[in-house]
PDB file of N, CA and C in Angstrom:
ATOM      1  N   MET A   1     -76.347 -36.990  42.126  1.00  0.00           N
ATOM      2  CA  MET A   1     -75.414 -35.864  42.383  1.00  0.00           C
ATOM      3  C   MET A   1     -73.866 -36.097  40.527  1.00  0.00           C
ATOM      4  N   THR A   2     -73.497 -34.782  41.098  1.00  0.00           N
ATOM      5  CA  THR A   2     -72.621 -34.200  39.748  1.00  0.00           C
ATOM      6  C   THR A   2     -71.234 -35.242  40.080  1.00  0.00           C
ATOM      7  N   ARG A   3     -70.334 -35.020  38.987  1.00  0.00           N
ATOM      8  CA  ARG A   3     -69.202 -35.380  39.314  1.00  0.00           C
ATOM      9  C   ARG A   3     -68.750 -34.844  40.313  1.00  0.00           C
ATOM     10  N   ARG A   4     -68.511 -33.915  40.112  1.00  0.00           N
ATOM     11  CA  ARG A   4     -68.071 -32.408  40.698  1.00  0.00           C
ATOM     12  C   ARG A   4     -68.091 -33.206  42.355  1.00  0.00           C
ATOM     13  N   GLY A   5     -68.901 -33.120  42.694  1.00  0.00           N
ATOM     14  CA  GLY A   5     -70.326 -33.222  44.158  1.00  0.00           C
ATOM     15  C   GLY A   5     -69.363 -34.937  44.676  1.00  0.00           C
ATOM     16  N   ASP A   6     -68.992 -35.114  43.218  1.00  0.00           N
ATOM     17  CA  ASP A   6     -68.810 -36.970  44.040  1.00  0.00           C
ATOM     18  C   ASP A   6     -66.998 -36.947  44.522  1.00  0.00           C
ATOM     19  N   ALA A   7     -66.592 -35.642  43.759  1.00  0.00           N
ATOM     20  CA  ALA A   7     -65.923 -35.736  43.723  1.00  0.00           C
ATOM     21  C   ALA A   7     -65.070 -35.155  45.419  1.00  0.00           C
ATOM     22  N   ASP A   8     -66.397 -34.124  45.999  1.00  0.00           N
ATOM     23  CA  ASP A   8     -66.068 -32.671  46.996  1.00  0.00           C
ATOM     24  C   ASP A   8     -66.667 -33.690  47.958  1.00  0.00           C
ATOM     25  N   SER A   9     -67.493 -34.910  47.460  1.00  0.00           N
ATOM     26  CA  SER A   9     -68.239 -35.856  48.936  1.00  0.00           C
ATOM     27  C   SER A   9     -67.290 -37.055  49.011  1.00  0.00           C
ATOM     28  N   ILE A  10     -66.139 -37.368  48.526  1.00  0.00           N
ATOM     29  CA  ILE A  10     -65.074 -38.024  48.639  1.00  0.00           C
ATOM     30  C   ILE A  10     -63.970 -37.192  49.685  1.00  0.00           C
ATOM     31  N   VAL A  11     -64.192 -36.429  48.781  1.00  0.00           N
ATOM     32  CA  VAL A  11     -62.756 -35.175  50.164  1.00  0.00           C
ATOM     33  C   VAL A  11     -63.396 -35.102  51.432  1.00  0.00           C
ATOM     34  N   SER A  12     -64.423 -34.432  51.348  1.00  0.00           N
ATOM     35  CA  SER A  12     -65.526 -33.734  52.884  1.00  0.00           C
ATOM     36  C   SER A  12     -65.069 -35.340  53.425  1.00  0.00           C
ATOM     37  N   GLU A  13     -65.128 -36.882  53.259  1.00  0.00           N
ATOM     38  CA  GLU A  13     -64.488 -37.713  53.687  1.00  0.00           C
ATOM     39  C   GLU A  13     -63.871 -38.620  54.277  1.00  0.00           C
ATOM     40  N   ARG A  14     -63.038 -37.410  53.966  1.00  0.00           N
ATOM     41  CA  ARG A  14     -61.724 -37.694  54.376  1.00  0.00           C
ATOM     42  C   ARG A  14     -61.410 -39.819  53.343  1.00  0.00           C
ATOM     43  N   GLY A  15     -61.664 -39.712  52.342  1.00  0.00           N
ATOM     44  CA  GLY A  15     -60.944 -40.866  51.683  1.00  0.00           C
ATOM     45  C   GLY A  15     -60.462 -40.758  50.405  1.00  0.00           C
ATOM     46  N   VAL A  16     -59.637 -39.455  50.162  1.00  0.00           N
ATOM     47  CA  VAL A  16     -57.890 -39.139  49.532  1.00  0.00           C
ATOM     48  C   VAL A  16     -57.194 -40.116  50.402  1.00  0.00           C
ATOM     49  N   LYS A  17     -56.594 -40.998  50.063  1.00  0.00           N
ATOM     50  CA  LYS A  17     -55.356 -41.700  50.813  1.00  0.00           C
ATOM     51  C   LYS A  17     -54.154 -41.497  50.049  1.00  0.00           C
ATOM     52  N   LEU A  18     -52.737 -40.992  51.080  1.00  0.00           N
ATOM     53  CA  LEU A  18     -51.737 -41.401  50.911  1.00  0.00           C
ATOM     54  C   LEU A  18     -50.616 -42.160  51.314  1.00  0.00           C
ATOM     55  N   HIS A  19     -50.381 -43.582  51.324  1.00  0.00           N
ATOM     56  CA  HIS A  19     -49.755 -44.327  51.198  1.00  0.00           C
ATOM     57  C   HIS A  19     -48.416 -43.682  50.933  1.00  0.00           C
ATOM     58  N   HIS A  20     -47.482 -43.832  52.664  1.00  0.00           N
ATOM     59  CA  HIS A  20     -46.307 -42.975  52.353  1.00  0.00           C
ATOM     60  C   HIS A  20     -45.625 -44.528  52.921  1.00  0.00           C
ATOM     61  N   PHE A  21     -44.661 -44.860  51.851  1.00  0.00           N
ATOM     62  CA  PHE A  21     -43.336 -45.639  52.460  1.00  0.00           C
ATOM     63  C   PHE A  21     -42.089 -45.464  52.675  1.00  0.00           C
ATOM     64  N   GLU A  22     -41.555 -45.679  54.125  1.00  0.00           N
ATOM     65  CA  GLU A  22     -40.533 -45.314  54.785  1.00  0.00           C
ATOM     66  C   GLU A  22     -39.093 -46.402  54.998  1.00  0.00           C
ATOM     67  N   PRO A  23     -38.034 -46.349  54.591  1.00  0.00           N
ATOM     68  CA  PRO A  23     -37.466 -45.187  54.145  1.00  0.00           C
ATOM     69  C   PRO A  23     -37.816 -44.634  52.910  1.00  0.00           C
ATOM     70  N   SER A  24     -37.799 -45.493  51.841  1.00  0.00           N
ATOM     71  CA  SER A  24     -37.672 -45.114  50.576  1.00  0.00           C
ATOM     72  C   SER A  24     -38.120 -44.380  49.685  1.00  0.00           C
ATOM     73  N   GLY A  25     -39.324 -43.177  50.291  1.00  0.00           N
ATOM     74  CA  GLY A  25     -40.389 -42.533  50.617  1.00  0.00           C
ATOM     75  C   GLY A  25     -41.393 -42.646  48.801  1.00  0.00           C
ATOM     76  N   ARG A  26     -41.953 -44.205  49.027  1.00  0.00           N
ATOM     77  CA  ARG A  26     -42.317 -44.890  47.537  1.00  0.00           C
ATOM     78  C   ARG A  26     -44.117 -44.522  48.310  1.00  0.00           C
ATOM     79  N   LYS A  27     -44.416 -43.301  47.408  1.00  0.00           N
ATOM     80  CA  LYS A  27     -46.155 -43.304  47.487  1.00  0.00           C
ATOM     81  C   LYS A  27     -46.495 -43.728  46.501  1.00  0.00           C
ATOM     82  N   ILE A  28     -48.024 -44.175  47.159  1.00  0.00           N
ATOM     83  CA  ILE A  28     -49.716 -44.687  46.844  1.00  0.00           C
ATOM     84  C   ILE A  28     -50.258 -44.212  46.800  1.00  0.00           C
ATOM     85  N   TRP A  29     -50.950 -43.710  45.944  1.00  0.00           N
ATOM     86  CA  TRP A  29     -52.664 -42.702  46.563  1.00  0.00           C
ATOM     87  C   TRP A  29     -53.615 -44.299  46.136  1.00  0.00           C
ATOM     88  N   THR A  30     -54.540 -43.980  46.727  1.00  0.00           N
ATOM     89  CA  THR A  30     -55.322 -44.372  47.069  1.00  0.00           C
ATOM     90  C   THR A  30     -57.139 -43.531  46.863  1.00  0.00           C
ATOM     91  N   VAL A  31     -58.213 -44.150  46.619  1.00  0.00           N
ATOM     92  CA  VAL A  31     -59.569 -43.123  46.899  1.00  0.00           C
ATOM     93  C   VAL A  31     -60.201 -44.348  46.986  1.00  0.00           C
ATOM     94  N   VAL A  32     -60.956 -43.391  48.267  1.00  0.00           N
ATOM     95  CA  VAL A  32     -62.110 -44.589  48.789  1.00  0.00           C
ATOM     96  C   VAL A  32     -63.633 -44.031  48.150  1.00  0.00           C
ATOM     97  N   GLY A  33     -63.674 -44.204  46.855  1.00  0.00           N
ATOM     98  CA  GLY A  33     -65.392 -44.682  45.626  1.00  0.00           C
ATOM     99  C   GLY A  33     -66.301 -44.659  46.711  1.00  0.00           C
ATOM    100  N   LYS A  34     -67.393 -44.378  45.865  1.00  0.00           N
ATOM    101  CA  LYS A  34     -68.753 -45.011  46.160  1.00  0.00           C
ATOM    102  C   LYS A  34     -69.087 -46.758  46.281  1.00  0.00           C
ATOM    103  N   GLU A  35     -68.243 -46.934  45.820  1.00  0.00           N
ATOM    104  CA  GLU A  35     -68.508 -48.685  46.269  1.00  0.00           C
ATOM    105  C   GLU A  35     -67.336 -49.874  46.512  1.00  0.00           C
ATOM    106  N   ASN A  36     -65.619 -48.926  45.575  1.00  0.00           N
ATOM    107  CA  ASN A  36     -64.817 -49.398  45.711  1.00  0.00           C
ATOM    108  C   ASN A  36     -63.462 -48.284  45.911  1.00  0.00           C
ATOM    109  N   GLU A  37     -62.130 -48.952  46.324  1.00  0.00           N
ATOM    110  CA  GLU A  37     -61.044 -48.552  46.410  1.00  0.00           C
ATOM    111  C   GLU A  37     -60.181 -47.978  45.247  1.00  0.00           C
ATOM    112  N   HIS A  38     -60.224 -47.401  45.342  1.00  0.00           N
ATOM    113  CA  HIS A  38     -59.027 -47.580  43.452  1.00  0.00           C
ATOM    114  C   HIS A  38     -57.933 -46.509  43.914  1.00  0.00           C
ATOM    115  N   TRP A  39     -56.933 -47.423  43.221  1.00  0.00           N
ATOM    116  CA  TRP A  39     -55.221 -46.160  42.502  1.00  0.00           C
ATOM    117  C   TRP A  39     -55.330 -45.962  42.333  1.00  0.00           C
ATOM    118  N   LEU A  40     -54.453 -44.790  42.049  1.00  0.00           N
ATOM    119  CA  LEU A  40     -54.052 -43.346  41.465  1.00  0.00           C
ATOM    120  C   LEU A  40     -52.974 -43.397  41.336  1.00  0.00           C
ATOM    121  N   ASP A  41     -52.497 -42.209  40.006  1.00  0.00           N
ATOM    122  CA  ASP A  41     -51.112 -41.770  40.312  1.00  0.00           C
ATOM    123  C   ASP A  41     -50.969 -40.007  39.656  1.00  0.00           C
ATOM    124  N   PRO A  42     -51.397 -39.765  40.965  1.00  0.00           N
ATOM    125  CA  PRO A  42     -51.957 -38.355  39.876  1.00  0.00           C
ATOM    126  C   PRO A  42     -51.102 -37.225  38.856  1.00  0.00           C
ATOM    127  N   GLU A  43     -50.121 -37.849  39.145  1.00  0.00           N
ATOM    128  CA  GLU A  43     -48.828 -37.024  38.077  1.00  0.00           C
ATOM    129  C   GLU A  43     -49.138 -37.462  36.582  1.00  0.00           C
ATOM    130  N   LEU A  44     -49.245 -38.881  36.759  1.00  0.00           N
ATOM    131  CA  LEU A  44     -49.765 -39.477  35.580  1.00  0.00           C
ATOM    132  C   LEU A  44     -51.596 -39.016  34.857  1.00  0.00           C
ATOM    133  N   GLY A  45     -51.813 -38.580  35.879  1.00  0.00           N
ATOM    134  CA  GLY A  45     -53.301 -38.506  35.234  1.00  0.00           C
ATOM    135  C   GLY A  45     -54.102 -40.347  35.113  1.00  0.00           C
ATOM    136  N   PHE A  46     -53.340 -41.009  36.416  1.00  0.00           N
ATOM    137  CA  PHE A  46     -54.575 -42.366  35.750  1.00  0.00           C
ATOM    138  C   PHE A  46     -54.795 -43.111  37.110  1.00  0.00           C
ATOM    139  N   CYS A  47     -56.128 -43.565  36.595  1.00  0.00           N
ATOM    140  CA  CYS A  47     -56.510 -44.235  37.756  1.00  0.00           C
ATOM    141  C   CYS A  47     -57.078 -45.562  37.160  1.00  0.00           C
ATOM    142  N   SER A  48     -56.968 -46.503  38.507  1.00  0.00           N
ATOM    143  CA  SER A  48     -57.983 -48.246  38.365  1.00  0.00           C
ATOM    144  C   SER A  48     -59.072 -48.505  37.873  1.00  0.00           C
ATOM    145  N   CYS A  49     -60.114 -47.240  37.944  1.00  0.00           N
ATOM    146  CA  CYS A  49     -61.607 -46.711  37.790  1.00  0.00           C
ATOM    147  C   CYS A  49     -62.522 -47.410  36.333  1.00  0.00           C
ATOM    148  N   ALA A  50     -63.349 -47.901  36.532  1.00  0.00           N
ATOM    149  CA  ALA A  50     -63.833 -48.335  35.047  1.00  0.00           C
ATOM    150  C   ALA A  50     -63.935 -46.944  34.364  1.00  0.00           C
ATOM    151  N   ASP A  51     -64.294 -45.721  34.885  1.00  0.00           N
ATOM    152  CA  ASP A  51     -64.988 -43.834  34.588  1.00  0.00           C
ATOM    153  C   ASP A  51     -63.721 -44.191  33.866  1.00  0.00           C
ATOM    154  N   PHE A  52     -62.126 -44.433  34.292  1.00  0.00           N
ATOM    155  CA  PHE A  52     -61.126 -43.856  33.739  1.00  0.00           C
ATOM    156  C   PHE A  52     -61.050 -44.300  32.509  1.00  0.00           C
ATOM    157  N   TYR A  53     -60.902 -45.945  32.792  1.00  0.00           N
ATOM    158  CA  TYR A  53     -61.085 -46.637  30.968  1.00  0.00           C
ATOM    159  C   TYR A  53     -61.837 -46.254  29.799  1.00  0.00           C
ATOM    160  N   TYR A  54     -63.320 -46.181  30.331  1.00  0.00           N
ATOM    161  CA  TYR A  54     -64.064 -45.829  29.095  1.00  0.00           C
ATOM    162  C   TYR A  54     -64.491 -44.212  28.541  1.00  0.00           C
ATOM    163  N   ASN A  55     -64.256 -43.849  29.886  1.00  0.00           N
ATOM    164  CA  ASN A  55     -64.352 -42.129  29.512  1.00  0.00           C
ATOM    165  C   ASN A  55     -63.137 -41.097  29.712  1.00  0.00           C
ATOM    166  N   ALA A  56     -62.097 -41.537  30.886  1.00  0.00           N
ATOM    167  CA  ALA A  56     -62.016 -40.073  30.598  1.00  0.00           C
ATOM    168  C   ALA A  56     -60.529 -40.423  29.378  1.00  0.00           C
ATOM    169  N   LEU A  57     -59.980 -41.831  28.973  1.00  0.00           N
ATOM    170  CA  LEU A  57     -59.607 -41.872  27.690  1.00  0.00           C
ATOM    171  C   LEU A  57     -59.694 -41.337  26.773  1.00  0.00           C
ATOM    172  N   SER A  58     -60.922 -41.796  26.228  1.00  0.00           N
ATOM    173  CA  SER A  58     -62.201 -41.162  25.116  1.00  0.00           C
ATOM    174  C   SER A  58     -61.670 -39.718  24.939  1.00  0.00           C
ATOM    175  N   THR A  59     -62.429 -39.005  25.914  1.00  0.00           N
ATOM    176  CA  THR A  59     -62.329 -37.715  26.026  1.00  0.00           C
ATOM    177  C   THR A  59     -61.486 -36.542  26.046  1.00  0.00           C
ATOM    178  N   GLY A  60     -60.919 -37.616  27.659  1.00  0.00           N
ATOM    179  CA  GLY A  60     -59.614 -37.132  27.654  1.00  0.00           C
ATOM    180  C   GLY A  60     -59.748 -35.737  29.358  1.00  0.00           C
ATOM    181  N   GLY A  61     -60.612 -36.247  29.578  1.00  0.00           N
ATOM    182  CA  GLY A  61     -61.069 -35.524  30.957  1.00  0.00           C
ATOM    183  C   GLY A  61     -60.731 -36.322  32.122  1.00  0.00           C
ATOM    184  N   GLU A  62     -61.033 -36.307  33.240  1.00  0.00           N
ATOM    185  CA  GLU A  62     -60.516 -36.983  34.671  1.00  0.00           C
ATOM    186  C   GLU A  62     -61.680 -37.077  35.014  1.00  0.00           C
ATOM    187  N   CYS A  63     -61.463 -38.690  35.558  1.00  0.00           N
ATOM    188  CA  CYS A  63     -62.128 -39.222  36.005  1.00  0.00           C
ATOM    189  C   CYS A  63     -62.616 -38.167  37.742  1.00  0.00           C
ATOM    190  N   TYR A  64     -63.296 -39.343  38.565  1.00  0.00           N
ATOM    191  CA  TYR A  64     -63.921 -38.370  39.782  1.00  0.00           C
ATOM    192  C   TYR A  64     -62.851 -38.390  40.570  1.00  0.00           C
ATOM    193  N   HIS A  65     -62.760 -39.415  40.988  1.00  0.00           N
ATOM    194  CA  HIS A  65     -61.219 -40.363  41.871  1.00  0.00           C
ATOM    195  C   HIS A  65     -59.876 -38.636  41.663  1.00  0.00           C
ATOM    196  N   LEU A  66     -59.483 -38.530  40.656  1.00  0.00           N
ATOM    197  CA  LEU A  66     -57.864 -38.047  40.348  1.00  0.00           C
ATOM    198  C   LEU A  66     -58.602 -36.493  40.309  1.00  0.00           C
ATOM    199  N   LYS A  67     -60.188 -35.979  40.423  1.00  0.00           N
ATOM    200  CA  LYS A  67     -60.547 -34.492  40.473  1.00  0.00           C
ATOM    201  C   LYS A  67     -60.357 -34.405  42.115  1.00  0.00           C
ATOM    202  N   ALA A  68     -60.919 -35.524  42.482  1.00  0.00           N
ATOM    203  CA  ALA A  68     -60.507 -35.820  44.131  1.00  0.00           C
ATOM    204  C   ALA A  68     -59.383 -35.694  44.523  1.00  0.00           C
ATOM    205  N   VAL A  69     -58.886 -36.598  44.416  1.00  0.00           N
ATOM    206  CA  VAL A  69     -56.723 -36.097  44.222  1.00  0.00           C
ATOM    207  C   VAL A  69     -56.260 -34.722  44.340  1.00  0.00           C
ATOM    208  N   ARG A  70     -57.114 -34.098  43.506  1.00  0.00           N
ATOM    209  CA  ARG A  70     -56.759 -32.556  43.711  1.00  0.00           C
ATOM    210  C   ARG A  70     -57.302 -31.924  44.166  1.00  0.00           C
ATOM    211  N   ILE A  71     -58.621 -32.082  44.345  1.00  0.00           N
ATOM    212  CA  ILE A  71     -58.697 -30.795  45.493  1.00  0.00           C
ATOM    213  C   ILE A  71     -58.631 -30.811  46.470  1.00  0.00           C
ATOM    214  N   ALA A  72     -58.571 -32.628  47.397  1.00  0.00           N
ATOM    215  CA  ALA A  72     -57.790 -32.462  48.255  1.00  0.00           C
ATOM    216  C   ALA A  72     -56.186 -31.952  48.325  1.00  0.00           C
ATOM    217  N   GLN A  73     -55.584 -32.616  47.215  1.00  0.00           N
ATOM    218  CA  GLN A  73     -54.140 -30.902  47.215  1.00  0.00           C
ATOM    219  C   GLN A  73     -54.975 -29.785  47.843  1.00  0.00           C
ATOM    220  N   GLU A  74     -54.931 -29.103  46.848  1.00  0.00           N
ATOM    221  CA  GLU A  74     -55.743 -28.303  47.347  1.00  0.00           C
ATOM    222  C   GLU A  74     -56.443 -27.687  48.502  1.00  0.00           C
ATOM    223  N   GLN A  75     -57.450 -28.156  49.228  1.00  0.00           N
ATOM    224  CA  GLN A  75     -57.420 -27.959  50.350  1.00  0.00           C
ATOM    225  C   GLN A  75     -56.725 -28.838  51.914  1.00  0.00           C
ATOM    226  N   LYS A  76     -55.652 -28.841  51.406  1.00  0.00           N
ATOM    227  CA  LYS A  76     -54.774 -29.972  52.301  1.00  0.00           C
ATOM    228  C   LYS A  76     -55.683 -31.327  53.383  1.00  0.00           C
ATOM    229  N   LYS A  77     -56.268 -31.358  52.433  1.00  0.00           N
ATOM    230  CA  LYS A  77     -57.721 -33.280  52.882  1.00  0.00           C
ATOM    231  C   LYS A  77     -57.311 -34.457  52.536  1.00  0.00           C
ATOM    232  N   ILE A  78     -55.764 -34.505  52.668  1.00  0.00           N
ATOM    233  CA  ILE A  78     -55.192 -35.956  52.349  1.00  0.00           C
ATOM    234  C   ILE A  78     -55.165 -36.407  53.027  1.00  0.00           C
ATOM    235  N   GLU A  79     -55.381 -37.584  53.708  1.00  0.00           N
ATOM    236  CA  GLU A  79     -55.014 -39.052  54.912  1.00  0.00           C
ATOM    237  C   GLU A  79     -53.524 -39.764  54.379  1.00  0.00           C
ATOM    238  N   THR A  80     -52.631 -38.870  55.059  1.00  0.00           N
ATOM    239  CA  THR A  80     -51.343 -39.304  55.539  1.00  0.00           C
ATOM    240  C   THR A  80     -51.643 -40.993  56.026  1.00  0.00           C
ATOM    241  N   VAL A  81     -50.832 -42.782  55.498  1.00  0.00           N
ATOM    242  CA  VAL A  81     -50.790 -43.062  55.842  1.00  0.00           C
ATOM    243  C   VAL A  81     -49.358 -43.762  56.456  1.00  0.00           C
ATOM    244  N   LYS A  82     -48.837 -43.583  57.070  1.00  0.00           N
ATOM    245  CA  LYS A  82     -47.345 -44.392  57.170  1.00  0.00           C
ATOM    246  C   LYS A  82     -47.341 -46.033  56.698  1.00  0.00           C
ATOM    247  N   PHE A  83     -46.298 -46.358  56.399  1.00  0.00           N
ATOM    248  CA  PHE A  83     -45.870 -47.479  56.480  1.00  0.00           C
ATOM    249  C   PHE A  83     -44.484 -48.219  55.996  1.00  0.00           C
ATOM    250  N   SER A  84     -43.681 -48.938  56.695  1.00  0.00           N
ATOM    251  CA  SER A  84     -42.991 -49.348  56.506  1.00  0.00           C
ATOM    252  C   SER A  84     -42.757 -50.047  55.213  1.00  0.00           C
ATOM    253  N   ASP A  85     -41.198 -49.807  54.704  1.00  0.00           N
ATOM    254  CA  ASP A  85     -40.610 -50.414  53.273  1.00  0.00           C
ATOM    255  C   ASP A  85     -40.707 -51.896  53.241  1.00  0.00           C
ATOM    256  N   SER A  86     -41.146 -52.488  54.526  1.00  0.00           N
ATOM    257  CA  SER A  86     -40.760 -54.145  54.126  1.00  0.00           C
ATOM    258  C   SER A  86     -42.601 -54.462  54.590  1.00  0.00           C
ATOM    259  N   GLU A  87     -43.447 -53.554  54.063  1.00  0.00           N
ATOM    260  CA  GLU A  87     -44.864 -53.794  54.113  1.00  0.00           C
ATOM    261  C   GLU A  87     -45.103 -53.226  52.887  1.00  0.00           C
ATOM    262  N   PHE A  88     -44.213 -52.356  51.769  1.00  0.00           N
ATOM    263  CA  PHE A  88     -44.823 -52.663  50.272  1.00  0.00           C
ATOM    264  C   PHE A  88     -45.308 -53.991  50.139  1.00  0.00           C
ATOM    265  N   GLU A  89     -44.941 -54.288  49.315  1.00  0.00           N
ATOM    266  CA  GLU A  89     -45.509 -55.872  49.056  1.00  0.00           C
ATOM    267  C   GLU A  89     -46.526 -56.759  48.930  1.00  0.00           C
ATOM    268  N   SER A  90     -46.850 -56.266  50.156  1.00  0.00           N
ATOM    269  CA  SER A  90     -48.842 -57.038  50.913  1.00  0.00           C
ATOM    270  C   SER A  90     -49.069 -56.177  50.020  1.00  0.00           C
ATOM    271  N   PHE A  91     -48.499 -54.691  50.289  1.00  0.00           N
ATOM    272  CA  PHE A  91     -49.448 -53.909  50.340  1.00  0.00           C
ATOM    273  C   PHE A  91     -50.217 -53.221  48.698  1.00  0.00           C
ATOM    274  N   VAL A  92     -48.945 -53.706  48.425  1.00  0.00           N
ATOM    275  CA  VAL A  92     -49.349 -54.159  46.435  1.00  0.00           C
ATOM    276  C   VAL A  92     -49.953 -55.198  46.287  1.00  0.00           C
ATOM    277  N   SER A  93     -49.796 -56.449  46.581  1.00  0.00           N
ATOM    278  CA  SER A  93     -50.011 -57.781  46.310  1.00  0.00           C
ATOM    279  C   SER A  93     -51.404 -57.431  46.587  1.00  0.00           C
ATOM    280  N   ALA A  94     -51.776 -56.642  47.871  1.00  0.00           N
ATOM    281  CA  ALA A  94     -53.180 -56.514  47.988  1.00  0.00           C
ATOM    282  C   ALA A  94     -54.247 -55.959  46.683  1.00  0.00           C
ATOM    283  N   LEU A  95     -53.986 -54.650  47.195  1.00  0.00           N
ATOM    284  CA  LEU A  95     -54.436 -53.625  45.565  1.00  0.00           C
ATOM    285  C   LEU A  95     -54.571 -54.243  44.206  1.00  0.00           C
ATOM    286  N   VAL A  96     -53.539 -55.343  43.619  1.00  0.00           N
ATOM    287  CA  VAL A  96     -54.211 -55.881  42.772  1.00  0.00           C
ATOM    288  C   VAL A  96     -55.021 -57.209  42.771  1.00  0.00           C
ATOM    289  N   ARG A  97     -54.990 -57.748  44.223  1.00  0.00           N
ATOM    290  CA  ARG A  97     -56.117 -59.082  44.127  1.00  0.00           C
ATOM    291  C   ARG A  97     -57.688 -57.878  44.352  1.00  0.00           C
ATOM    292  N   ASP A  98     -57.592 -56.963  44.605  1.00  0.00           N
ATOM    293  CA  ASP A  98     -59.061 -55.836  44.718  1.00  0.00           C
ATOM    294  C   ASP A  98     -58.991 -55.904  43.527  1.00  0.00           C
ATOM    295  N   LEU A  99     -57.557 -55.080  42.766  1.00  0.00           N
ATOM    296  CA  LEU A  99     -58.433 -55.378  41.152  1.00  0.00           C
ATOM    297  C   LEU A  99     -59.274 -56.767  40.497  1.00  0.00           C
ATOM    298  N   LEU A 100     -57.926 -57.541  40.529  1.00  0.00           N
ATOM    299  CA  LEU A 100     -59.099 -58.874  39.955  1.00  0.00           C
ATOM    300  C   LEU A 100     -60.684 -59.789  40.187  1.00  0.00           C
TER     301      LEU A 100
END
């Protein structure tokens, strides 16, 4: 499967998630890939996946997770999950634990 195909598959499976914290309005994007969940900042063009570090940074391209976010935004297929600001710290802690 091509990287575009990977991104399309993630979008069709509703794997692009926007975690929206209220009332602050803070947002954390995650993408559920083939094996793991990765967090992203699409505005900065950052992804926590290994492909981002090993390929995207050296070639200037984007990993398929970032492509999936872009496609999901274009197609309006983003899963928005609302949280209270009181849950922000534990959410971020869980993300960091998953990276280790």
